[in-house]
Amino acid sequence: MITEFRLPDLGEGLPEAELVQWLVAEGDTVTLNQTIAEVETAKAVVELPSPYAGVISKLHAAAGDIVAVGSVLIAFDVPGEDAAPAADAGSAAVAAAAASAETPAQVPAAAQAPAAAQAPAPGQEHAQAQPNLVGYGAAPQAAGRPTRRARVAAASVSSAGADTAVLEAAPHDVLHAPDVVEAPLERPRSTPPVRKLAKDLGIDLGLVEPTGSDGLITRADVEAYAERIGAAAPAVAEVDAEPAPASPAALAERSAVERERRIPIRGVRKHTAEAMVRSAFTAPHVTTFLTVDITATTELIASLKADRSLQGHRIGILAVAAKAVCLALARTPELNSRWDEEHGEIVEFGYVNLGIAAATQRGLVVPNVRDADALTLVELADAIGGLAETARAGKTSPADMMNGTFSITNVGVFGVDAGTPILNPGEAGILALGAVRRQPWEHRGEIALRDVMTLALSFDHRLVDGEQGARFLADVGAILREPGRAMLMR
């Protein structure tokens, strides 16, 4: 029986999502909850598990398409007669966002509703009722945004009877050749640099045979595969070769192509732009600066790194600053509050969900450490490290970026001394950490080389007065100047 599956509401309340890549092709046999595709919403890349066990009958979208929630995404040939999706499963979408924090970048099984009388796959006759995806039964939208076929659907290209199938260059296209085996059903494992290389060469990692430990695809694996199918970048001309003169027509064509490049505004970049515009024109921003001698903090960090009992814990300036922020927020709760326009109230939080701005290949994301004020310095460092690793891998879940109460952005890692950060929407403050500079500084009545940093605090002037913002920033600076002062704060 042919059963269609519509793109579900992924727990964010967004009307559409971009199909990043298919991990299956037409004719493939899939099992229940096997990952079949990756879709990018305005906040994160999410893996879609299969709602059925059966055969892929038709892919209704191609990589790069913008698909409206409720639109048909894929069709399955499911054995049995009662394979239709449950009509009431859309109610589980409310719990999806909160539960997805425990299973990042994947629709959580705990939030999925049971399927309705699905015929068991071979070997599963005795299994219990299986979980179902959120958003089943979503009504199709009458007039949605038209899809944009930015890439060629790999499933629509047949390699039979041809030496190679020529496709448009795209990050996730599947390049078929006579000696290429069918893509594996499990998602390939690789590192971000290797995925970028594969993207640049237009290679589907699912077709690359891994040689690394635990099935990891290495750079050499991708390069070897590219050489085998002829997908490598154009070779560089020999040094001694005399370049052929370009014709005026070729120069004109190159000029038109190279002078402008148009990139669709969507995904994380679109969400970030909308959020920043909304924040800049809603909350009256004020930024105040403080340059402080943090030599005592850098010496503390060096001693902690040398402590054998702390090996494996990456405690850096960001973690110490985060701890200082949590202590200072307890003394100035106005910075840890929200302006509730709808109810005409100011909401002060008795906890700190600390956002850590992270630059990724898909744009800026701000996941937050839940209840950061309850963590020790070591626990805070580990939590921040985990957020950064997840963000770099593009696996930050939407739930991890919700309900933050205050944020930190570390522009110092780019060699920048200071800036005027824009508030994360709904938050009262954001602190920017500048670069640590070794420079002459007054110390105990003399000039000495010291580690100096500039702090920049932006805050919502509806919630925070100048005196409160200055006091908060002074508290953070005092802790970084003399970490022992933290013993006097509560």
Protein backbone atom coordinates (compact mmCIF):
# COMPACT_ATOMS: atom_id res chain seq x y z
CA MET A 1 0.00 0.00 0.00
CA ILE A 2 1.39 3.44 -1.01
CA THR A 3 1.38 5.79 1.97
CA GLU A 4 2.47 9.43 1.85
CA PHE A 5 4.35 11.17 4.65
CA ARG A 6 4.03 14.93 5.08
CA LEU A 7 6.72 17.18 6.56
CA PRO A 8 5.85 17.41 10.27
CA ASP A 9 5.93 20.39 12.59
CA LEU A 10 9.37 19.96 14.14
CA GLY A 11 8.37 21.62 17.39
CA GLU A 12 9.34 25.19 16.44
CA GLY A 13 6.05 26.41 14.97
CA LEU A 14 7.81 27.27 11.68
CA PRO A 15 5.94 27.12 8.36
CA GLU A 16 8.72 25.55 6.28
CA ALA A 17 12.11 23.88 6.25
CA GLU A 18 14.90 23.31 3.74
CA LEU A 19 15.66 19.76 2.67
CA VAL A 20 19.44 19.50 3.17
CA GLN A 21 19.93 15.96 1.89
CA TRP A 22 18.25 12.62 1.44
CA LEU A 23 19.92 9.67 3.13
CA VAL A 24 17.82 7.22 1.13
CA ALA A 25 16.83 6.83 -2.52
CA GLU A 26 13.78 5.54 -4.35
CA GLY A 27 13.62 1.77 -4.17
CA ASP A 28 15.50 1.55 -0.87
CA THR A 29 14.09 -0.64 1.90
CA VAL A 30 13.97 1.19 5.22
CA THR A 31 13.18 0.21 8.78
CA LEU A 32 11.09 2.03 11.33
CA ASN A 33 12.86 5.12 12.78
CA GLN A 34 15.78 4.83 10.35
CA THR A 35 17.08 8.31 9.50
CA ILE A 36 15.90 9.16 6.00
CA ALA A 37 16.71 12.86 5.57
CA GLU A 38 18.19 16.00 7.06
CA VAL A 39 16.14 19.19 7.05
CA GLU A 40 17.24 22.66 8.14
CA THR A 41 14.81 24.90 9.95
CA ALA A 42 15.42 28.50 10.94
CA LYS A 43 17.40 27.30 13.96
CA ALA A 44 19.03 23.94 13.39
CA VAL A 45 19.55 20.90 11.19
CA VAL A 46 17.18 18.09 12.19
CA GLU A 47 17.27 14.41 11.26
CA LEU A 48 13.97 12.87 10.17
CA PRO A 49 13.38 9.23 11.15
CA SER A 50 11.25 7.00 8.97
CA PRO A 51 7.66 6.62 10.23
CA TYR A 52 7.27 3.29 8.45
CA ALA A 53 9.06 0.08 7.59
CA GLY A 54 8.83 -0.50 3.88
CA VAL A 55 10.16 0.55 0.47
CA ILE A 56 10.73 4.15 -0.66
CA SER A 57 8.22 4.66 -3.44
CA LYS A 58 8.81 8.31 -4.37
CA LEU A 59 10.79 11.32 -3.15
CA HIS A 60 8.61 14.40 -3.56
CA ALA A 61 11.38 16.96 -2.98
CA ALA A 62 15.02 17.41 -3.88
CA ALA A 63 17.98 18.59 -1.85
CA GLY A 64 17.79 22.37 -1.61
CA ASP A 65 14.00 22.59 -1.84
CA ILE A 66 12.05 24.70 0.65
CA VAL A 67 9.22 22.44 1.80
CA ALA A 68 6.15 23.76 3.60
CA VAL A 69 5.05 22.01 6.78
CA GLY A 70 2.19 19.67 5.85
CA SER A 71 3.40 19.15 2.27
CA VAL A 72 4.01 15.64 0.98
CA LEU A 73 7.70 14.84 1.45
CA ILE A 74 8.04 11.13 0.64
CA ALA A 75 5.90 8.12 -0.23
CA PHE A 76 6.32 4.59 1.12
CA ASP A 77 5.18 1.21 -0.14
CA VAL A 78 4.16 -0.25 3.22
CA PRO A 79 3.13 -3.92 3.56
CA GLY A 80 -0.29 -4.38 5.13
CA GLU A 81 -3.62 -2.64 4.76
CA ASP A 82 -3.76 -0.31 7.79
CA ALA A 83 -0.65 1.77 7.27
CA ALA A 84 -2.17 5.25 7.27
CA PRO A 85 -0.61 7.69 9.74
CA ALA A 86 -2.39 8.48 12.98
CA ALA A 87 -4.61 11.56 12.62
CA ASP A 88 -4.14 12.78 16.18
CA ALA A 89 -0.36 12.53 16.36
CA GLY A 90 0.08 16.27 15.74
CA SER A 91 -0.63 16.91 19.43
CA ALA A 92 2.79 15.50 20.25
CA ALA A 93 4.47 18.49 18.56
CA VAL A 94 4.09 20.58 21.72
CA ALA A 95 6.39 18.24 23.65
CA ALA A 96 8.90 17.86 20.81
CA ALA A 97 10.84 21.07 21.37
CA ALA A 98 11.44 20.46 25.08
CA ALA A 99 12.35 16.82 24.66
CA SER A 100 14.67 17.46 21.73
CA ALA A 101 17.20 18.91 24.14
CA GLU A 102 17.88 15.35 25.31
CA THR A 103 18.24 14.04 21.75
CA PRO A 104 19.81 16.93 19.80
CA ALA A 105 19.09 17.30 16.09
CA GLN A 106 16.68 14.41 16.08
CA VAL A 107 12.96 14.21 16.64
CA PRO A 108 12.70 12.64 20.12
CA ALA A 109 11.09 9.27 20.49
CA ALA A 110 9.57 10.28 23.84
CA ALA A 111 7.54 12.98 22.13
CA GLN A 112 6.25 10.77 19.32
CA ALA A 113 2.71 9.43 19.33
CA PRO A 114 1.99 5.73 18.70
CA ALA A 115 1.35 4.68 15.13
CA ALA A 116 -2.02 3.29 14.16
CA ALA A 117 -2.09 -0.45 13.44
CA GLN A 118 1.03 -0.58 11.32
CA ALA A 119 1.94 -3.92 9.87
CA PRO A 120 5.18 -5.20 11.40
CA ALA A 121 8.33 -5.47 9.35
CA PRO A 122 9.92 -8.88 8.93
CA GLY A 123 11.36 -9.97 12.24
CA GLN A 124 9.21 -7.49 14.19
CA GLU A 125 5.98 -9.45 14.39
CA HIS A 126 6.21 -9.65 18.20
CA ALA A 127 7.24 -5.99 18.73
CA GLN A 128 5.09 -3.55 20.65
CA ALA A 129 3.33 -0.57 19.06
CA GLN A 130 6.05 1.65 17.58
CA PRO A 131 6.46 5.40 18.14
CA ASN A 132 5.32 7.84 15.49
CA LEU A 133 6.65 11.17 14.26
CA VAL A 134 5.13 14.42 15.44
CA GLY A 135 2.98 16.26 12.94
CA TYR A 136 1.21 13.24 11.38
CA GLY A 137 -2.07 14.16 9.87
CA ALA A 138 -1.07 17.78 9.26
CA ALA A 139 -3.39 19.32 6.72
CA PRO A 140 -1.82 20.34 3.42
CA GLN A 141 -1.51 24.09 2.97
CA ALA A 142 -3.59 25.39 0.13
CA ALA A 143 -1.18 28.07 -1.00
CA GLY A 144 2.37 27.55 0.19
CA ARG A 145 5.66 28.97 -0.84
CA PRO A 146 6.82 27.42 -4.13
CA THR A 147 9.70 25.04 -3.92
CA ARG A 148 13.04 26.06 -5.39
CA ARG A 149 14.94 23.25 -7.04
CA ALA A 150 18.44 24.45 -6.31
CA ARG A 151 19.87 21.02 -6.92
CA VAL A 152 19.06 17.93 -8.93
CA ALA A 153 17.36 15.08 -7.09
CA ALA A 154 19.79 12.21 -7.04
CA ALA A 155 17.01 9.67 -7.21
CA SER A 156 15.82 11.00 -10.57
CA VAL A 157 19.11 10.25 -12.34
CA SER A 158 19.69 6.74 -13.59
CA SER A 159 23.19 5.44 -14.07
CA ALA A 160 22.10 2.44 -16.12
CA GLY A 161 23.53 2.43 -19.65
CA ALA A 162 25.85 5.39 -19.07
CA ASP A 163 29.43 5.70 -17.96
CA THR A 164 28.63 8.58 -15.60
CA ALA A 165 25.62 10.71 -14.75
CA VAL A 166 26.39 14.43 -14.97
CA LEU A 167 24.67 16.46 -12.21
CA GLU A 168 24.69 20.10 -11.25
CA ALA A 169 27.41 20.74 -8.66
CA ALA A 170 25.79 20.77 -5.22
CA PRO A 171 26.79 19.95 -1.63
CA HIS A 172 24.69 16.86 -1.22
CA ASP A 173 24.10 15.47 -4.72
CA VAL A 174 24.71 11.77 -5.27
CA LEU A 175 27.16 11.19 -8.12
CA HIS A 176 26.52 7.84 -9.74
CA ALA A 177 29.18 5.85 -11.62
CA PRO A 178 29.29 2.22 -12.76
CA ASP A 179 31.61 1.23 -9.91
CA VAL A 180 29.68 3.01 -7.17
CA VAL A 181 27.81 0.86 -4.72
CA GLU A 182 24.45 1.80 -3.27
CA ALA A 183 24.60 4.27 -0.38
CA PRO A 184 24.46 2.71 3.09
CA LEU A 185 21.35 3.19 5.16
CA GLU A 186 23.12 4.56 8.22
CA ARG A 187 24.29 8.17 8.27
CA PRO A 188 28.04 8.37 7.41
CA ARG A 189 30.41 9.50 10.17
CA SER A 190 32.94 12.24 9.43
CA THR A 191 34.37 15.48 10.77
CA PRO A 192 33.23 18.99 9.72
CA PRO A 193 36.34 19.64 7.53
CA VAL A 194 35.77 16.36 5.70
CA ARG A 195 32.08 17.18 5.19
CA LYS A 196 33.07 20.57 3.77
CA LEU A 197 35.52 18.92 1.36
CA ALA A 198 32.81 16.51 0.21
CA LYS A 199 30.42 19.45 -0.20
CA ASP A 200 32.93 21.38 -2.30
CA LEU A 201 33.49 18.35 -4.55
CA GLY A 202 29.79 17.52 -4.83
CA ILE A 203 30.17 14.10 -3.24
CA ASP A 204 27.62 12.24 -1.13
CA LEU A 205 29.49 10.87 1.89
CA GLY A 206 27.08 7.94 1.97
CA LEU A 207 28.87 6.54 -1.07
CA VAL A 208 32.39 6.84 0.34
CA GLU A 209 33.95 3.77 1.91
CA PRO A 210 35.42 4.69 5.32
CA THR A 211 38.88 3.57 6.41
CA GLY A 212 39.11 5.46 9.71
CA SER A 213 38.57 3.99 13.14
CA ASP A 214 34.97 3.06 14.03
CA GLY A 215 33.83 3.67 10.45
CA LEU A 216 35.00 7.30 10.28
CA ILE A 217 35.34 8.78 6.80
CA THR A 218 38.70 10.55 6.44
CA ARG A 219 39.90 13.26 4.05
CA ALA A 220 41.94 10.66 2.17
CA ASP A 221 38.78 8.56 1.68
CA VAL A 222 36.96 11.50 0.07
CA GLU A 223 39.92 12.42 -2.14
CA ALA A 224 40.35 8.81 -3.26
CA TYR A 225 36.64 8.54 -4.11
CA ALA A 226 36.71 11.86 -5.96
CA GLU A 227 39.69 10.72 -8.04
CA ARG A 228 37.95 7.46 -8.89
CA ILE A 229 34.78 9.09 -10.22
CA GLY A 230 36.47 12.15 -11.68
CA ALA A 231 34.82 14.63 -9.31
CA ALA A 232 38.00 16.32 -8.17
CA ALA A 233 38.50 20.04 -8.60
CA PRO A 234 40.18 21.15 -11.86
CA ALA A 235 43.88 20.49 -11.78
CA VAL A 236 46.24 23.46 -11.43
CA ALA A 237 48.22 24.25 -14.57
CA GLU A 238 51.91 23.36 -14.57
CA VAL A 239 54.25 26.13 -13.54
CA ASP A 240 56.12 26.13 -16.84
CA ALA A 241 52.96 26.11 -18.92
CA GLU A 242 52.24 29.36 -20.77
CA PRO A 243 48.66 30.47 -20.02
CA ALA A 244 46.50 30.89 -23.06
CA PRO A 245 45.24 34.43 -23.58
CA ALA A 246 41.59 34.87 -22.70
CA SER A 247 39.25 36.26 -25.31
CA PRO A 248 37.31 39.50 -24.61
CA ALA A 249 34.08 37.49 -24.53
CA ALA A 250 35.54 35.08 -21.94
CA LEU A 251 36.76 38.00 -19.83
CA ALA A 252 33.33 39.63 -19.94
CA GLU A 253 31.65 36.37 -18.96
CA ARG A 254 34.10 35.79 -16.09
CA SER A 255 33.62 39.34 -14.88
CA ALA A 256 29.85 38.98 -14.77
CA VAL A 257 30.07 35.74 -12.83
CA GLU A 258 32.83 36.66 -10.38
CA ARG A 259 31.66 40.18 -9.47
CA GLU A 260 28.39 39.04 -7.91
CA ARG A 261 27.25 35.92 -6.14
CA ARG A 262 23.65 35.56 -4.99
CA ILE A 263 22.97 33.40 -1.94
CA PRO A 264 19.37 32.62 -0.88
CA ILE A 265 18.52 34.08 2.52
CA ARG A 266 17.19 31.17 4.53
CA GLY A 267 17.86 28.80 7.38
CA VAL A 268 19.92 29.98 10.33
CA ARG A 269 21.07 33.13 8.51
CA LYS A 270 17.48 34.21 7.86
CA HIS A 271 16.44 33.53 11.45
CA THR A 272 19.45 35.41 12.84
CA ALA A 273 18.78 38.44 10.64
CA GLU A 274 15.12 38.59 11.64
CA ALA A 275 15.98 38.20 15.33
CA MET A 276 18.65 40.92 15.25
CA VAL A 277 16.40 43.40 13.43
CA ARG A 278 13.57 42.69 15.86
CA SER A 279 15.90 43.13 18.83
CA ALA A 280 17.58 46.30 17.53
CA PHE A 281 14.28 48.06 16.82
CA THR A 282 12.38 46.80 19.88
CA ALA A 283 14.74 47.06 22.83
CA PRO A 284 16.56 50.38 23.41
CA HIS A 285 20.20 49.28 23.49
CA VAL A 286 22.85 50.85 25.69
CA THR A 287 26.47 49.65 25.67
CA THR A 288 29.04 50.33 28.38
CA PHE A 289 32.72 49.35 28.41
CA LEU A 290 35.30 48.39 31.00
CA THR A 291 38.99 47.59 30.44
CA VAL A 292 40.41 45.44 33.21
CA ASP A 293 43.70 43.81 34.21
CA ILE A 294 42.97 40.07 34.27
CA THR A 295 46.49 38.82 34.92
CA ALA A 296 45.38 37.08 38.12
CA THR A 297 42.70 35.22 36.13
CA THR A 298 45.11 34.08 33.41
CA GLU A 299 47.52 32.88 36.10
CA LEU A 300 44.67 30.98 37.75
CA ILE A 301 43.76 29.34 34.44
CA ALA A 302 47.40 28.33 33.89
CA SER A 303 47.55 26.72 37.33
CA LEU A 304 44.30 24.84 36.72
CA LYS A 305 45.59 23.52 33.40
CA ALA A 306 48.70 22.24 35.18
CA ASP A 307 46.62 20.41 37.79
CA ARG A 308 46.62 16.70 36.92
CA SER A 309 43.28 16.15 38.64
CA LEU A 310 41.69 18.54 36.11
CA GLN A 311 43.14 16.94 32.99
CA GLY A 312 40.41 16.62 30.37
CA HIS A 313 38.58 19.74 31.55
CA ARG A 314 39.19 22.72 29.28
CA ILE A 315 38.93 25.68 31.65
CA GLY A 316 39.57 28.91 29.79
CA ILE A 317 38.77 32.60 30.04
CA LEU A 318 35.24 32.04 28.72
CA ALA A 319 34.38 29.62 31.52
CA VAL A 320 35.78 31.93 34.21
CA ALA A 321 33.90 34.90 32.73
CA ALA A 322 30.72 32.81 32.63
CA LYS A 323 31.10 32.01 36.33
CA ALA A 324 31.69 35.71 37.06
CA VAL A 325 28.54 36.61 35.12
CA CYS A 326 26.43 34.15 37.13
CA LEU A 327 27.72 35.62 40.40
CA ALA A 328 27.15 39.18 39.22
CA LEU A 329 23.61 38.44 38.00
CA ALA A 330 22.66 37.32 41.52
CA ARG A 331 23.67 40.79 42.74
CA THR A 332 21.96 42.66 39.85
CA PRO A 333 18.83 40.65 38.95
CA GLU A 334 17.61 43.36 36.56
CA LEU A 335 20.12 42.00 34.01
CA ASN A 336 18.49 38.57 34.34
CA SER A 337 14.95 39.56 33.41
CA ARG A 338 12.54 39.83 30.50
CA TRP A 339 10.17 42.56 29.29
CA ASP A 340 6.73 40.94 28.84
CA GLU A 341 4.90 43.35 26.56
CA GLU A 342 1.79 41.21 26.27
CA HIS A 343 1.08 41.10 30.01
CA GLY A 344 2.63 44.45 30.89
CA GLU A 345 5.08 42.84 33.32
CA ILE A 346 8.79 42.52 34.03
CA VAL A 347 9.75 38.89 34.62
CA GLU A 348 12.80 38.35 36.85
CA PHE A 349 14.32 34.87 36.67
CA GLY A 350 15.56 32.98 39.72
CA TYR A 351 17.90 30.93 37.52
CA VAL A 352 20.43 31.64 34.78
CA ASN A 353 20.14 30.01 31.36
CA LEU A 354 23.42 31.32 29.98
CA GLY A 355 23.61 31.70 26.20
CA ILE A 356 26.99 31.19 24.52
CA ALA A 357 27.20 32.70 21.03
CA ALA A 358 28.85 30.30 18.57
CA ALA A 359 29.88 31.00 14.98
CA THR A 360 29.17 28.02 12.70
CA GLN A 361 29.26 27.35 8.98
CA ARG A 362 25.50 27.89 8.88
CA GLY A 363 25.61 31.16 10.81
CA LEU A 364 25.43 32.37 14.39
CA VAL A 365 23.69 30.21 16.99
CA VAL A 366 23.26 30.89 20.70
CA PRO A 367 22.68 27.65 22.64
CA ASN A 368 22.40 28.08 26.38
CA VAL A 369 23.66 26.28 29.47
CA ARG A 370 20.63 25.50 31.61
CA ASP A 371 20.85 26.56 35.29
CA ALA A 372 24.41 27.75 34.78
CA ASP A 373 24.33 29.50 38.16
CA ALA A 374 24.08 26.09 39.89
CA LEU A 375 27.25 24.73 38.25
CA THR A 376 30.81 24.76 39.51
CA LEU A 377 33.56 26.27 37.36
CA VAL A 378 34.61 22.84 36.10
CA GLU A 379 31.02 21.83 35.31
CA LEU A 380 30.45 25.13 33.54
CA ALA A 381 33.59 24.67 31.44
CA ASP A 382 32.48 21.16 30.44
CA ALA A 383 28.98 22.38 29.53
CA ILE A 384 30.34 25.20 27.39
CA GLY A 385 32.73 22.82 25.66
CA GLY A 386 29.87 20.46 24.90
CA LEU A 387 27.76 23.26 23.43
CA ALA A 388 30.63 24.41 21.22
CA GLU A 389 31.33 20.89 19.93
CA THR A 390 27.66 20.31 19.13
CA ALA A 391 27.37 23.68 17.40
CA ARG A 392 30.45 23.08 15.23
CA ALA A 393 28.99 19.75 14.15
CA GLY A 394 25.74 21.52 13.20
CA LYS A 395 23.75 19.46 15.68
CA THR A 396 22.46 22.16 18.03
CA SER A 397 18.79 21.39 18.66
CA PRO A 398 16.09 24.10 18.61
CA ALA A 399 15.34 23.46 22.29
CA ASP A 400 18.97 24.24 23.22
CA MET A 401 18.51 27.78 21.87
CA MET A 402 15.25 28.56 23.65
CA ASN A 403 14.55 30.28 26.97
CA GLY A 404 17.95 31.91 27.49
CA THR A 405 18.11 34.65 30.14
CA PHE A 406 21.54 36.25 29.47
CA SER A 407 24.25 35.76 26.82
CA ILE A 408 28.02 35.97 26.35
CA THR A 409 29.85 36.45 23.05
CA ASN A 410 33.61 35.95 22.93
CA VAL A 411 34.79 38.23 20.10
CA GLY A 412 38.32 38.08 21.51
CA VAL A 413 38.95 34.75 19.78
CA PHE A 414 38.95 36.72 16.49
CA GLY A 415 41.47 39.25 17.80
CA VAL A 416 38.83 41.94 18.36
CA ASP A 417 39.15 44.20 21.39
CA ALA A 418 35.54 45.37 21.79
CA GLY A 419 32.18 45.88 20.10
CA THR A 420 28.54 46.70 20.71
CA PRO A 421 26.73 43.34 20.76
CA ILE A 422 23.02 43.19 19.95
CA LEU A 423 20.77 41.58 22.52
CA ASN A 424 19.46 38.09 21.95
CA PRO A 425 15.69 38.73 21.59
CA GLY A 426 13.89 38.57 24.93
CA GLU A 427 17.02 38.95 27.04
CA ALA A 428 18.03 42.00 29.08
CA GLY A 429 21.80 41.83 28.59
CA ILE A 430 24.72 40.44 26.62
CA LEU A 431 28.43 40.63 27.50
CA ALA A 432 31.17 40.71 24.86
CA LEU A 433 34.65 39.52 25.85
CA GLY A 434 37.52 41.18 23.98
CA ALA A 435 40.94 39.81 23.16
CA VAL A 436 43.46 39.36 25.99
CA ARG A 437 46.35 41.74 25.30
CA ARG A 438 49.78 41.68 26.96
CA GLN A 439 50.53 45.39 27.34
CA PRO A 440 52.00 48.00 29.70
CA TRP A 441 49.66 48.70 32.61
CA GLU A 442 49.82 50.45 35.96
CA HIS A 443 50.31 47.84 38.68
CA ARG A 444 51.04 48.64 42.33
CA GLY A 445 52.30 52.11 41.49
CA GLU A 446 54.59 50.97 38.67
CA ILE A 447 54.34 50.18 34.97
CA ALA A 448 54.39 46.47 34.18
CA LEU A 449 53.37 44.11 31.38
CA ARG A 450 49.93 42.78 32.28
CA ASP A 451 47.12 40.76 30.63
CA VAL A 452 44.38 43.25 29.79
CA MET A 453 40.86 42.69 28.42
CA THR A 454 38.00 44.99 27.43
CA LEU A 455 34.45 44.01 28.44
CA ALA A 456 31.43 45.42 26.58
CA LEU A 457 27.96 45.11 28.10
CA SER A 458 24.83 45.85 26.06
CA PHE A 459 21.54 46.00 27.97
CA ASP A 460 17.85 46.81 27.48
CA HIS A 461 17.33 50.30 28.92
CA ARG A 462 13.66 49.53 29.60
CA LEU A 463 14.77 46.98 32.18
CA VAL A 464 18.18 48.16 33.28
CA ASP A 465 19.23 51.65 34.37
CA GLY A 466 22.73 52.92 33.72
CA GLU A 467 23.66 52.54 37.38
CA GLN A 468 22.60 48.89 37.42
CA GLY A 469 24.44 48.11 34.20
CA ALA A 470 27.62 49.78 35.48
CA ARG A 471 27.42 47.94 38.81
CA PHE A 472 27.01 44.59 37.08
CA LEU A 473 29.95 45.23 34.76
CA ALA A 474 32.08 46.38 37.71
CA ASP A 475 31.29 43.14 39.56
CA VAL A 476 32.33 41.01 36.57
CA GLY A 477 35.50 43.06 36.18
CA ALA A 478 36.33 42.78 39.90
CA ILE A 479 36.13 38.97 39.76
CA LEU A 480 38.33 38.79 36.66
CA ARG A 481 40.81 41.22 38.26
CA GLU A 482 40.89 39.28 41.53
CA PRO A 483 39.26 35.83 41.23
CA GLY A 484 39.38 35.46 45.04
CA ARG A 485 36.66 38.12 45.30
CA ALA A 486 34.22 35.46 44.19
CA MET A 487 34.52 34.08 47.72
CA LEU A 488 32.86 37.27 49.00
CA MET A 489 29.87 37.16 46.63
CA ARG A 490 26.64 35.28 46.88
